Structures are given as C-alpha cells and as structure tokens.
N, C-alpha and C. Protein backbone atom coordinates (compact mmCIF):
# COMPACT_ATOMS: atom_id res chain seq x y z
N SER A 1 13.91 93.18 116.72
CA SER A 1 15.55 93.87 117.00
C SER A 1 15.99 93.95 115.76
N HIS A 2 16.60 95.05 115.82
CA HIS A 2 17.31 95.79 114.80
C HIS A 2 18.28 95.85 114.44
N LEU A 3 18.96 95.49 113.16
CA LEU A 3 20.07 95.22 112.39
C LEU A 3 20.99 95.67 112.60
N THR A 4 22.09 95.97 113.37
CA THR A 4 23.32 96.51 113.51
C THR A 4 23.96 96.41 111.56
N LYS A 5 24.60 98.15 111.84
CA LYS A 5 24.99 97.89 110.54
C LYS A 5 26.45 97.80 110.63
N LYS A 6 27.30 96.07 110.34
CA LYS A 6 28.40 95.85 110.09
C LYS A 6 29.99 97.26 109.78
N ASN A 7 31.06 97.29 110.25
CA ASN A 7 32.43 97.59 109.88
C ASN A 7 32.60 96.99 108.60
N PRO A 8 32.26 98.26 107.83
CA PRO A 8 32.91 98.15 105.90
C PRO A 8 34.21 97.94 106.23
N LYS A 9 35.26 96.80 105.75
CA LYS A 9 36.55 96.32 105.52
C LYS A 9 37.14 97.14 105.11
N PRO A 10 38.13 97.09 105.34
CA PRO A 10 38.80 98.61 104.89
C PRO A 10 39.06 98.51 103.38
N LEU A 11 39.03 99.36 102.49
CA LEU A 11 40.28 98.83 100.93
C LEU A 11 41.69 98.25 101.11
N LYS A 12 42.00 97.33 100.08
CA LYS A 12 42.81 97.36 100.44
C LYS A 12 43.39 97.77 99.79
N ARG A 13 44.59 98.90 99.54
CA ARG A 13 45.73 99.98 98.82
C ARG A 13 46.54 99.52 97.45
N VAL A 14 45.54 100.00 96.67
CA VAL A 14 46.25 99.68 95.05
C VAL A 14 47.73 99.93 94.50
N LYS A 15 47.91 99.83 94.60
CA LYS A 15 49.49 100.20 93.95
C LYS A 15 49.93 100.87 93.07
N PRO A 16 50.09 101.76 93.02
CA PRO A 16 50.50 102.60 91.60
C PRO A 16 50.67 102.04 90.90
N THR A 17 51.07 101.93 89.84
CA THR A 17 51.97 101.81 88.59
C THR A 17 53.16 102.06 88.92
N ASN A 18 54.18 101.17 88.16
CA ASN A 18 55.28 101.32 88.00
C ASN A 18 56.00 102.79 88.22
N LYS A 19 55.38 104.08 86.36
CA LYS A 19 55.03 105.06 86.09
C LYS A 19 54.63 106.37 87.17
N LYS A 20 53.60 105.54 87.78
CA LYS A 20 53.21 106.79 88.89
C LYS A 20 54.08 107.12 89.97
N ARG A 21 54.67 105.49 90.26
CA ARG A 21 55.55 105.26 91.12
C ARG A 21 56.86 106.30 90.27
N LEU A 22 57.09 106.21 89.77
CA LEU A 22 58.17 106.61 89.44
C LEU A 22 58.41 108.23 89.90
N ARG A 23 56.73 108.44 89.61
CA ARG A 23 56.45 110.11 89.51
C ARG A 23 56.86 110.59 90.60
N GLU A 24 56.73 109.52 91.78
CA GLU A 24 56.12 110.21 92.94
C GLU A 24 57.52 110.12 93.49
N ARG A 25 58.56 109.47 93.37
CA ARG A 25 59.80 109.82 93.65
C ARG A 25 60.71 110.48 93.56
N GLU A 26 60.59 110.84 91.94
CA GLU A 26 61.18 111.79 91.10
C GLU A 26 60.69 113.53 92.04
N LYS A 27 59.22 113.13 92.71
CA LYS A 27 59.20 114.61 93.54
C LYS A 27 59.98 115.15 94.42
N THR A 28 60.29 113.46 95.10
CA THR A 28 60.90 114.09 96.24
C THR A 28 62.79 113.61 96.13
N ASN A 29 63.18 113.39 95.17
CA ASN A 29 64.20 113.16 95.09
C ASN A 29 65.03 114.31 94.32
N PRO A 30 66.24 115.21 93.62
CA PRO A 30 66.70 115.80 93.57
C PRO A 30 67.16 115.67 92.53
N PHE A 31 68.02 114.10 92.72
CA PHE A 31 68.47 113.93 91.14
C PHE A 31 67.61 113.16 90.27
N SER A 32 66.88 113.87 89.03
CA SER A 32 66.14 112.92 88.76
C SER A 32 66.70 113.46 86.79
N PHE A 33 66.90 112.57 86.36
CA PHE A 33 67.43 113.34 84.86
C PHE A 33 66.83 112.60 84.01
N LEU A 34 65.54 113.75 83.09
CA LEU A 34 65.19 113.34 82.12
C LEU A 34 63.63 112.89 81.89
N GLY A 35 63.45 112.56 83.30
CA GLY A 35 62.73 111.86 83.34
C GLY A 35 62.58 110.61 84.39
N GLN A 36 63.70 111.01 83.87
CA GLN A 36 64.07 108.52 84.74
C GLN A 36 65.13 109.14 86.05
N LEU A 37 65.02 108.22 87.13
CA LEU A 37 65.01 108.30 88.36
C LEU A 37 66.33 107.88 88.55
N ILE A 38 67.30 108.73 88.78
CA ILE A 38 69.15 108.26 88.95
C ILE A 38 68.72 107.88 90.39
N PRO A 39 69.03 106.42 90.54
CA PRO A 39 68.94 105.43 91.73
C PRO A 39 69.83 105.22 92.26
N LEU A 40 70.06 105.17 93.78
CA LEU A 40 70.84 105.38 94.59
C LEU A 40 72.34 104.42 95.11
N ALA A 41 73.19 103.84 95.20
CA ALA A 41 74.10 103.02 94.55
C ALA A 41 73.90 103.00 96.27
N LYS A 42 74.62 101.29 97.28
CA LYS A 42 74.42 100.80 98.43
C LYS A 42 76.13 102.40 98.72
N THR A 43 76.28 102.53 98.40
CA THR A 43 76.49 103.74 99.39
C THR A 43 75.96 105.08 100.09
N GLY A 44 74.71 104.94 99.87
CA GLY A 44 73.78 106.45 99.32
C GLY A 44 74.13 107.50 98.69
N LEU A 45 75.30 107.24 97.62
CA LEU A 45 75.12 108.16 97.42
C LEU A 45 74.54 108.21 95.75
N PRO A 46 74.47 109.55 94.79
CA PRO A 46 73.88 109.02 94.04
C PRO A 46 74.44 109.04 93.03
N LEU A 47 74.42 108.14 91.80
CA LEU A 47 75.58 107.58 90.38
C LEU A 47 75.82 108.82 89.72
N TRP A 48 75.16 110.70 89.95
CA TRP A 48 75.93 111.43 89.12
C TRP A 48 77.38 111.95 89.80
N MET A 49 77.48 110.99 90.99
CA MET A 49 78.78 111.63 92.12
C MET A 49 79.46 110.72 91.44
N LEU A 50 79.11 109.12 91.66
CA LEU A 50 80.05 107.78 91.44
C LEU A 50 80.80 108.35 90.37
N GLY A 51 79.80 108.76 89.29
CA GLY A 51 80.82 109.43 87.78
C GLY A 51 81.95 110.07 88.47
N LEU A 52 81.20 111.50 89.53
CA LEU A 52 82.39 112.63 89.51
C LEU A 52 83.59 111.80 89.51
N ALA A 53 83.11 110.52 90.61
CA ALA A 53 84.64 110.11 91.53
C ALA A 53 84.95 109.32 90.09
N ALA A 54 84.64 108.64 89.02
CA ALA A 54 84.77 107.58 87.99
C ALA A 54 85.90 108.80 87.54
N ASP A 55 85.30 109.68 86.75
CA ASP A 55 86.80 110.95 86.14
C ASP A 55 87.77 111.14 87.14
N ARG A 56 87.28 110.41 88.65
CA ARG A 56 88.78 111.62 89.36
C ARG A 56 89.66 110.70 88.81
N LEU A 57 89.11 109.13 88.58
CA LEU A 57 90.38 108.20 89.06
C LEU A 57 90.29 108.21 87.53
N ARG A 58 89.99 108.24 86.64
CA ARG A 58 90.48 108.46 85.52
C ARG A 58 91.33 109.15 84.57
N ALA A 59 91.37 110.26 85.37
CA ALA A 59 92.19 111.56 85.46
C ALA A 59 93.68 110.99 85.99
N ASP A 60 93.39 109.86 87.34
CA ASP A 60 94.86 109.46 87.77
C ASP A 60 95.83 109.21 87.55
N MET A 61 94.53 108.30 86.91
CA MET A 61 95.27 107.01 86.16
C MET A 61 96.14 107.48 85.47
N ASN A 62 95.54 108.81 84.40
CA ASN A 62 96.18 108.56 83.17
C ASN A 62 97.63 109.83 83.98
N ARG A 63 97.23 110.59 84.47
CA ARG A 63 98.62 111.23 85.77
C ARG A 63 99.90 110.32 85.70
N LEU A 64 99.25 109.62 86.40
CA LEU A 64 100.25 108.36 87.17
C LEU A 64 101.00 107.90 85.63
N LEU A 65 100.38 107.05 84.13
CA LEU A 65 101.09 107.01 82.88
C LEU A 65 101.74 108.05 82.57
N SER A 66 101.17 109.03 82.80
CA SER A 66 102.50 110.08 81.75
C SER A 66 103.08 110.33 83.28
N PHE A 67 103.72 110.43 84.06
CA PHE A 67 105.24 110.03 84.84
C PHE A 67 105.31 108.98 84.97
N LEU A 68 105.36 107.85 84.18
CA LEU A 68 105.61 107.01 84.32
C LEU A 68 106.53 106.78 82.95
N PHE A 69 105.62 106.98 81.62
CA PHE A 69 106.28 107.29 80.23
C PHE A 69 107.59 108.53 80.28
N HIS A 70 106.97 109.98 80.90
CA HIS A 70 107.78 111.53 80.42
C HIS A 70 109.04 110.40 81.40
N GLN A 71 109.44 109.85 82.53
CA GLN A 71 110.43 109.57 83.09
C GLN A 71 110.80 108.51 82.38
N GLY A 72 110.42 107.38 81.55
CA GLY A 72 110.94 106.54 81.12
C GLY A 72 110.88 105.88 82.08
N ILE A 73 110.17 105.40 82.27
CA ILE A 73 110.35 103.81 83.49
C ILE A 73 109.53 103.31 83.10
N LEU A 74 108.09 103.04 81.88
CA LEU A 74 108.00 102.92 80.67
C LEU A 74 108.19 103.22 79.72
N ASP A 75 107.57 102.35 78.89
CA ASP A 75 107.56 102.08 77.16
C ASP A 75 106.35 101.84 76.57
N GLU A 76 106.17 101.76 75.58
CA GLU A 76 104.89 101.88 74.34
C GLU A 76 104.43 100.52 74.89
N GLN A 77 105.43 99.21 75.05
CA GLN A 77 104.97 97.74 75.04
C GLN A 77 104.48 97.80 76.65
N PHE A 78 104.11 98.47 77.15
CA PHE A 78 103.48 98.44 78.78
C PHE A 78 101.92 98.69 78.22
N LEU A 79 102.20 99.27 77.17
CA LEU A 79 100.62 99.84 75.74
C LEU A 79 99.93 98.40 75.31
N GLN A 80 101.20 97.98 74.36
CA GLN A 80 100.83 96.91 73.15
C GLN A 80 99.85 95.66 74.52
N LEU A 81 100.86 95.52 76.07
CA LEU A 81 100.48 94.52 76.86
C LEU A 81 98.14 95.02 77.79
N GLN A 82 98.90 95.86 77.71
CA GLN A 82 96.95 96.56 77.79
C GLN A 82 95.50 96.01 76.90
N GLN A 83 96.74 95.92 75.79
CA GLN A 83 95.77 95.74 74.67
C GLN A 83 95.16 94.44 74.41
N LEU A 84 96.53 93.50 75.04
CA LEU A 84 96.02 92.44 74.42
C LEU A 84 94.83 92.05 76.02
N GLN A 85 94.52 92.52 77.15
CA GLN A 85 93.69 92.87 77.73
C GLN A 85 91.61 92.94 76.71
N ASP A 86 91.02 92.05 77.60
CA ASP A 86 89.88 91.92 77.42
C ASP A 86 88.63 92.16 77.71
N GLU A 87 87.17 91.49 77.53
CA GLU A 87 87.00 90.77 78.30
C GLU A 87 86.45 89.64 79.08
N THR A 88 87.88 88.90 78.45
CA THR A 88 87.25 87.69 78.85
C THR A 88 88.58 87.47 79.88
N SER A 89 89.76 88.37 80.21
CA SER A 89 90.37 88.56 80.88
C SER A 89 91.35 89.41 81.24
N PRO A 90 89.44 89.96 81.94
CA PRO A 90 89.75 91.64 82.96
C PRO A 90 91.32 92.16 83.39
N ASN A 91 91.76 90.68 83.66
CA ASN A 91 93.13 91.15 85.08
C ASN A 91 94.33 90.18 84.67
N PHE A 92 94.44 90.33 83.25
CA PHE A 92 95.30 90.13 81.90
C PHE A 92 96.65 90.62 82.34
N VAL A 93 96.99 92.15 82.32
CA VAL A 93 97.96 93.14 82.48
C VAL A 93 98.42 92.89 84.01
N SER A 94 97.67 92.99 85.52
CA SER A 94 97.67 92.81 86.91
C SER A 94 98.75 90.89 86.61
N GLU A 95 97.78 90.63 86.38
CA GLU A 95 98.70 88.71 86.14
C GLU A 95 99.92 88.92 85.77
N VAL A 96 99.83 89.43 84.32
CA VAL A 96 100.85 89.10 83.99
C VAL A 96 102.74 90.20 84.85
N VAL A 97 102.57 90.95 84.73
CA VAL A 97 103.45 92.20 85.93
C VAL A 97 103.44 91.16 87.82
N ASN A 98 102.54 90.48 88.27
CA ASN A 98 102.50 90.01 89.02
C ASN A 98 104.08 88.55 89.48
N ILE A 99 103.94 87.82 88.02
CA ILE A 99 104.57 87.01 87.68
C ILE A 99 105.43 87.44 87.53
N TYR A 100 106.42 89.11 86.71
CA TYR A 100 107.49 89.75 86.49
C TYR A 100 107.45 89.14 87.73
N PHE A 101 106.98 90.45 89.27
CA PHE A 101 107.85 90.95 90.10
C PHE A 101 108.59 89.52 91.02
N HIS A 102 107.63 88.08 90.70
CA HIS A 102 107.33 87.45 91.60
C HIS A 102 108.93 86.75 90.57
N GLU A 103 109.13 86.74 89.85
CA GLU A 103 110.56 86.05 89.34
C GLU A 103 111.62 86.85 89.18
N SER A 104 111.05 88.53 89.33
CA SER A 104 112.04 89.56 89.14
C SER A 104 112.85 89.33 90.58
N GLU A 105 111.78 89.79 91.70
CA GLU A 105 112.84 88.93 93.33
C GLU A 105 113.48 87.97 93.49
N LYS A 106 113.07 86.73 92.84
CA LYS A 106 113.96 85.46 92.74
C LYS A 106 115.60 85.95 91.95
N LEU A 107 115.77 86.38 90.62
CA LEU A 107 116.38 87.32 90.08
C LEU A 107 117.91 87.84 91.15
N LEU A 108 117.04 88.57 91.64
CA LEU A 108 117.24 90.20 92.54
C LEU A 108 118.75 89.13 93.63
N ARG A 109 117.19 87.82 93.99
CA ARG A 109 118.26 87.30 95.49
C ARG A 109 119.95 86.26 94.72
N ASN A 110 119.27 85.96 93.62
CA ASN A 110 120.07 85.10 93.27
C ASN A 110 122.20 86.02 92.99
N LEU A 111 121.05 86.83 92.02
CA LEU A 111 122.35 87.72 91.75
C LEU A 111 123.01 89.01 93.77
N ARG A 112 122.41 88.56 94.24
CA ARG A 112 122.70 89.02 95.00
C ARG A 112 123.94 87.92 96.00
N SER A 113 123.37 87.02 95.74
CA SER A 113 123.99 86.11 96.31
C SER A 113 125.20 85.76 95.84
N LEU A 114 125.15 86.09 94.38
CA LEU A 114 126.45 85.48 93.53
C LEU A 114 127.51 86.75 94.28
N LEU A 115 126.87 88.09 94.58
CA LEU A 115 128.21 89.25 94.79
C LEU A 115 128.32 88.77 95.72
N MET A 116 127.22 88.25 97.37
CA MET A 116 128.37 88.60 98.26
C MET A 116 128.85 87.30 99.09
N ASP A 117 129.36 86.01 97.53
CA ASP A 117 130.16 85.29 97.80
C ASP A 117 131.27 85.93 97.66
N ARG A 118 132.23 85.64 98.25
CA ARG A 118 133.42 86.14 98.53
C ARG A 118 133.92 84.70 97.27
N GLU A 119 134.45 84.66 96.98
CA GLU A 119 135.29 83.89 96.15
C GLU A 119 134.32 83.24 94.39
N PHE A 120 133.12 84.17 94.21
CA PHE A 120 132.72 84.92 93.13
C PHE A 120 133.30 84.91 91.91
N SER A 121 133.72 84.32 91.51
CA SER A 121 133.48 84.18 90.26
C SER A 121 133.41 84.05 88.66
N ASP A 122 132.02 83.99 89.26
CA ASP A 122 131.37 82.63 87.55
C ASP A 122 130.81 84.01 86.98
N TYR A 123 131.46 85.07 86.49
CA TYR A 123 130.23 85.94 85.26
C TYR A 123 129.23 85.58 85.08
N ASN A 124 129.33 84.18 84.08
CA ASN A 124 128.24 83.53 82.35
C ASN A 124 128.04 83.55 83.34
N LYS A 125 127.16 83.18 84.97
CA LYS A 125 126.03 83.28 85.78
C LYS A 125 125.42 84.04 85.45
N MET A 126 125.88 85.18 85.95
CA MET A 126 125.25 86.28 86.52
C MET A 126 124.41 86.67 85.29
N GLY A 127 125.44 86.69 83.74
CA GLY A 127 125.19 87.02 82.58
C GLY A 127 123.89 86.67 82.15
N ILE A 128 123.92 85.48 82.84
CA ILE A 128 122.95 84.62 82.66
C ILE A 128 121.71 84.98 83.06
N HIS A 129 122.04 85.59 84.88
CA HIS A 129 120.11 86.19 85.79
C HIS A 129 119.33 87.45 84.98
N LEU A 130 121.29 87.80 84.18
CA LEU A 130 120.86 89.21 84.01
C LEU A 130 120.13 89.47 82.38
N ASN A 131 121.02 88.61 81.75
CA ASN A 131 119.85 88.63 80.51
C ASN A 131 118.41 87.82 80.35
N GLN A 132 117.57 87.34 81.23
CA GLN A 132 116.84 87.28 81.67
C GLN A 132 116.16 87.95 82.66
N PHE A 133 116.19 88.69 83.41
CA PHE A 133 116.18 89.95 83.80
C PHE A 133 116.04 90.87 82.75
N MET A 134 116.96 91.60 81.94
CA MET A 134 116.51 92.24 80.78
C MET A 134 115.01 91.67 79.93
N GLY A 135 114.92 90.40 79.62
CA GLY A 135 113.86 89.61 78.49
C GLY A 135 112.45 90.45 79.33
N SER A 136 112.32 89.45 80.47
CA SER A 136 111.05 90.14 80.83
C SER A 136 111.06 91.31 81.33
N SER A 137 112.05 92.44 81.70
CA SER A 137 111.80 93.96 82.20
C SER A 137 111.16 94.19 80.73
N SER A 138 111.22 93.64 79.10
CA SER A 138 110.73 94.05 78.31
C SER A 138 110.15 94.03 77.46
N SER A 139 109.83 92.37 78.06
CA SER A 139 108.08 92.11 77.89
C SER A 139 106.75 92.77 78.23
N ILE A 140 107.43 93.89 79.87
CA ILE A 140 105.85 94.57 80.30
C ILE A 140 106.38 96.31 79.93
N GLY A 141 107.79 95.61 79.52
CA GLY A 141 107.78 97.87 79.12
C GLY A 141 108.33 98.49 79.92
N ALA A 142 108.81 97.96 81.10
CA ALA A 142 109.97 98.43 82.16
C ALA A 142 111.08 98.61 81.73
N LYS A 143 110.95 99.73 80.79
CA LYS A 143 112.36 100.25 80.14
C LYS A 143 113.50 100.70 80.85
N ARG A 144 113.67 100.49 81.95
CA ARG A 144 113.84 102.40 82.88
C ARG A 144 114.94 100.68 83.65
N ILE A 145 113.88 99.80 84.12
CA ILE A 145 114.71 98.57 84.14
C ILE A 145 115.44 97.88 83.82
N ARG A 146 114.96 97.62 82.66
CA ARG A 146 116.06 97.73 81.32
C ARG A 146 116.99 98.34 80.83
N ASN A 147 117.15 98.93 80.98
CA ASN A 147 118.83 99.71 81.11
C ASN A 147 119.72 99.75 81.76
N VAL A 148 119.47 99.97 83.74
CA VAL A 148 120.12 99.51 84.76
C VAL A 148 120.34 97.83 83.84
N CYS A 149 119.78 97.04 84.10
CA CYS A 149 120.40 96.08 83.16
C CYS A 149 121.34 95.66 82.85
N LEU A 150 121.77 96.80 81.06
CA LEU A 150 122.50 96.89 80.46
C LEU A 150 123.77 97.78 81.14
N ALA A 151 123.67 98.62 81.95
CA ALA A 151 124.79 98.35 82.46
C ALA A 151 125.29 97.50 83.23
N PHE A 152 123.99 96.84 84.01
CA PHE A 152 125.13 95.92 85.12
C PHE A 152 126.04 95.25 84.37
N ARG A 153 125.35 94.98 83.03
CA ARG A 153 125.77 93.58 81.89
C ARG A 153 126.90 93.55 81.46
N ALA A 154 127.32 95.42 81.77
CA ALA A 154 128.83 95.74 81.39
C ALA A 154 129.95 95.71 82.58
N ALA A 155 128.85 96.35 83.86
CA ALA A 155 129.68 95.81 84.33
C ALA A 155 130.26 94.06 84.42
N SER A 156 129.46 92.85 84.31
CA SER A 156 130.13 92.01 84.60
C SER A 156 130.98 91.42 83.67
N ASP A 157 130.27 92.31 82.56
CA ASP A 157 131.30 91.37 81.38
C ASP A 157 132.69 91.84 81.71
N GLN A 158 132.62 93.00 82.30
CA GLN A 158 134.48 92.86 82.42
C GLN A 158 135.02 92.64 83.77
N ASN A 159 133.63 91.50 84.54
CA ASN A 159 134.20 91.41 85.88
C ASN A 159 134.67 92.21 87.02
N ASN A 160 134.11 93.62 86.62
CA ASN A 160 134.17 94.57 87.83
C ASN A 160 132.85 94.40 88.41
N ARG A 161 133.76 93.93 89.56
CA ARG A 161 133.01 92.97 91.23
C ARG A 161 132.06 94.24 91.72
N ALA A 162 133.07 95.69 92.01
CA ALA A 162 132.70 97.16 92.43
C ALA A 162 131.94 97.69 91.48
N GLY A 163 132.13 97.96 90.36
CA GLY A 163 130.52 98.42 89.28
C GLY A 163 130.02 97.43 89.79
N CYS A 164 129.89 95.81 90.01
CA CYS A 164 128.08 95.20 89.59
C CYS A 164 127.02 95.74 91.06
N LEU A 165 128.35 95.83 92.13
CA LEU A 165 127.81 95.89 93.56
C LEU A 165 126.93 96.52 92.98
N SER A 166 127.68 98.16 92.57
CA SER A 166 126.75 99.34 92.39
C SER A 166 125.84 99.40 91.60
N ALA A 167 126.15 98.59 90.65
CA ALA A 167 124.67 98.67 89.37
C ALA A 167 123.45 97.63 90.55
N LEU A 168 123.97 96.62 91.19
CA LEU A 168 123.04 95.64 91.73
C LEU A 168 122.20 96.34 93.09
N GLU A 169 123.10 97.53 93.24
CA GLU A 169 121.93 98.09 94.62
C GLU A 169 120.55 99.77 93.78
N VAL A 170 121.22 100.13 92.37
CA VAL A 170 120.83 100.89 90.88
C VAL A 170 119.59 99.27 91.16
N LEU A 171 120.12 98.42 90.43
CA LEU A 171 118.83 98.13 89.83
C LEU A 171 117.63 97.41 91.52
N GLU A 172 117.98 97.10 92.41
CA GLU A 172 117.43 97.46 93.56
C GLU A 172 116.10 98.40 93.40
N HIS A 173 116.98 99.81 93.41
CA HIS A 173 116.67 100.62 93.63
C HIS A 173 115.22 100.66 92.80
N GLU A 174 115.33 100.77 91.68
CA GLU A 174 114.93 100.84 90.16
C GLU A 174 113.51 100.00 90.84
N TYR A 175 113.70 98.52 90.74
CA TYR A 175 112.26 97.28 90.58
C TYR A 175 111.25 98.25 91.70
N CYS A 176 111.95 98.23 92.80
CA CYS A 176 111.06 98.98 94.22
C CYS A 176 110.46 99.90 94.17
N PHE A 177 110.60 101.14 93.08
CA PHE A 177 109.64 102.19 93.20
C PHE A 177 109.39 101.43 91.47
N LEU A 178 109.57 100.86 90.65
CA LEU A 178 108.08 100.38 90.17
C LEU A 178 107.37 99.39 90.47
N LYS A 179 108.08 98.92 91.29
CA LYS A 179 106.54 97.85 92.13
C LYS A 179 105.57 98.55 92.20
N ASN A 180 105.67 100.10 92.95
CA ASN A 180 105.35 100.67 94.17
C ASN A 180 104.52 101.35 93.39
N LYS A 181 104.57 102.35 91.89
CA LYS A 181 104.21 102.58 91.44
C LYS A 181 103.21 101.82 89.83
N LEU A 182 103.22 100.56 90.00
CA LEU A 182 102.89 99.66 89.55
C LEU A 182 101.57 99.27 90.26
N HIS A 183 101.72 99.44 91.47
CA HIS A 183 100.38 98.58 92.37
C HIS A 183 99.87 100.42 93.05
N GLU A 184 100.15 101.60 92.78
CA GLU A 184 99.30 102.30 93.15
C GLU A 184 98.15 102.20 91.53
N LEU A 185 98.86 102.65 90.54
CA LEU A 185 97.68 102.89 89.50
C LEU A 185 97.09 101.37 88.99
N PHE A 186 97.10 100.22 89.65
CA PHE A 186 96.84 98.78 89.09
C PHE A 186 95.14 99.42 91.03
N GLN A 187 96.11 99.95 91.50
CA GLN A 187 95.49 99.75 92.92
C GLN A 187 94.08 100.87 92.50
N VAL A 188 94.46 102.23 91.82
CA VAL A 188 93.31 103.01 90.63
C VAL A 188 92.91 102.64 89.74
N LEU A 189 92.79 101.68 89.05
CA LEU A 189 92.26 100.49 88.47
C LEU A 189 91.63 99.89 88.46
N PHE A 190 91.37 99.25 89.49
CA PHE A 190 90.23 98.42 90.01
C PHE A 190 89.64 99.31 91.41
N SER A 191 89.80 100.59 91.15
CA SER A 191 88.70 100.80 92.39
C SER A 191 87.46 101.87 91.53
N LEU A 192 88.80 102.04 89.65
CA LEU A 192 87.69 102.04 88.38
C LEU A 192 86.40 101.78 88.70
N ILE A 193 87.13 100.07 88.49
CA ILE A 193 86.28 98.80 88.02
C ILE A 193 85.19 98.59 88.97
N PHE A 194 85.24 98.94 89.59
CA PHE A 194 84.69 99.03 90.75
C PHE A 194 83.27 99.84 90.83
N LEU A 195 83.71 101.29 90.79
CA LEU A 195 82.47 101.93 90.51
C LEU A 195 81.80 101.45 88.75
N LEU A 196 82.54 101.61 88.30
CA LEU A 196 82.24 101.14 86.76
C LEU A 196 81.04 99.81 87.16
N LEU A 197 80.80 98.83 87.66
CA LEU A 197 80.03 97.67 88.36
C LEU A 197 78.78 98.63 88.39
N HIS A 198 79.34 99.47 89.38
CA HIS A 198 77.64 100.47 90.23
C HIS A 198 77.12 100.63 89.11
N PHE A 199 78.17 101.13 88.37
CA PHE A 199 76.89 102.73 87.11
C PHE A 199 75.45 100.75 85.83
N ILE A 200 76.66 99.80 86.09
CA ILE A 200 75.83 98.59 85.36
C ILE A 200 74.95 98.04 86.08
N SER A 201 74.82 98.19 87.89
CA SER A 201 74.27 97.32 88.26
C SER A 201 73.10 98.84 88.34
N TYR A 202 73.47 99.94 89.09
CA TYR A 202 71.87 100.57 89.50
C TYR A 202 71.68 100.95 88.10
N VAL A 203 72.22 101.47 86.76
CA VAL A 203 71.43 102.68 85.96
C VAL A 203 70.55 101.96 85.11
N LYS A 204 69.68 102.56 85.20
CA LYS A 204 68.42 101.64 84.07
C LYS A 204 67.24 102.47 83.13
N ILE A 205 67.81 102.37 82.65
CA ILE A 205 67.76 103.05 81.21
C ILE A 205 66.74 102.36 80.50
C-alpha cells in the first residue's frame, strides 16, 4: 500500500496590523484626512458633514440671539446667565428659564383672575404679582416683558382697570412670543450639543 497525502489544513489568515488595516480602509474611503481615517457616525454620514451641520446650527443660534437682542426682547442679563453654565451644570440656563416659565404662567393666571372679577379693587395685590413678574423677568434678561410689566404697574397704580386689561393682553402676547423663541433657541442648542457629542465619540486622534 502507498501512503496517501493528507490535505493540508488551511492556514489561518493573519489579521493585518492596525496600520495596515487603516491603509486598506483609506484606499476605499474617500473621507480620509492627513493619513487618518475619518470614521462614519451612526447616521452613516462622515464627520466632516456633521461638522458642517454643527456650523449651520451655530449660525442659526447666533442669528436667533442677534434677533432677540436687536428687538429688545433680551438684554445682557441673559448673557450673564449663560456664563454661569459650565460642564458641571450643562442645562443650567434651560432649567432656570423653565422655572421662570412655570412661575410666569401662575402669575399670568392670577393677574387675569383678578381682572376678571367684577368686584375687583385690590390693586395692591396686583402690584405684588407685577413686582414678582418684573423681578423674575429681569433675572433672566427678559427685557421687553419687564418693560410691559412697568407699563402694567403704572396702570395699576392709577387704578386704571381698562389700562390693566390692555396691558395684560400685551403681556400675555409677549410672554408667548418669548417662550416660543427661547424654545426654538434651546432646540438648536440641544441639536448642536448632540452633534458635538458625536465628534467626541467618533473622532480618533
């Protein structure tokens, strides 16, 4: 009998080193930069495209802030509030503003309730609510709302019910406008933070 040659076992494929793997991927990936592969985010988009999106969001945020300051809706107090925000309290501004919204809506309900009472005559109580509204508005830099509160307070000091009703309508309108604009601002800000977190998670130096 003669010996039969056994089939040799297939050799295990040696995995290329990180550098070799990187070079292989760079050949097939058009989004390489300075010899390093730019990884793709979970969205499937290269990070340079996410960078462009982040730039657009920054531009949107700056445009919106410029509008709010130019129209006198906000003042420098809002910027000072932003400076208190840091890594340890990344949601500081939005949390303060949400507290302001919650308290403001209670004050608006109280003011309307007072004025809807046909036997209303307690202008001192109205003045207390308006002082609270002015103080909280000043603390977040809501300049235009504070100014409306001042006009409202002047009508209240004169026991001018019609003037108070008119001022309340303006105040409610200004409050809704500010709330919508700040909501829009925070949506842009949170989207920007989301994109920046993608950079931190995916960019490898």
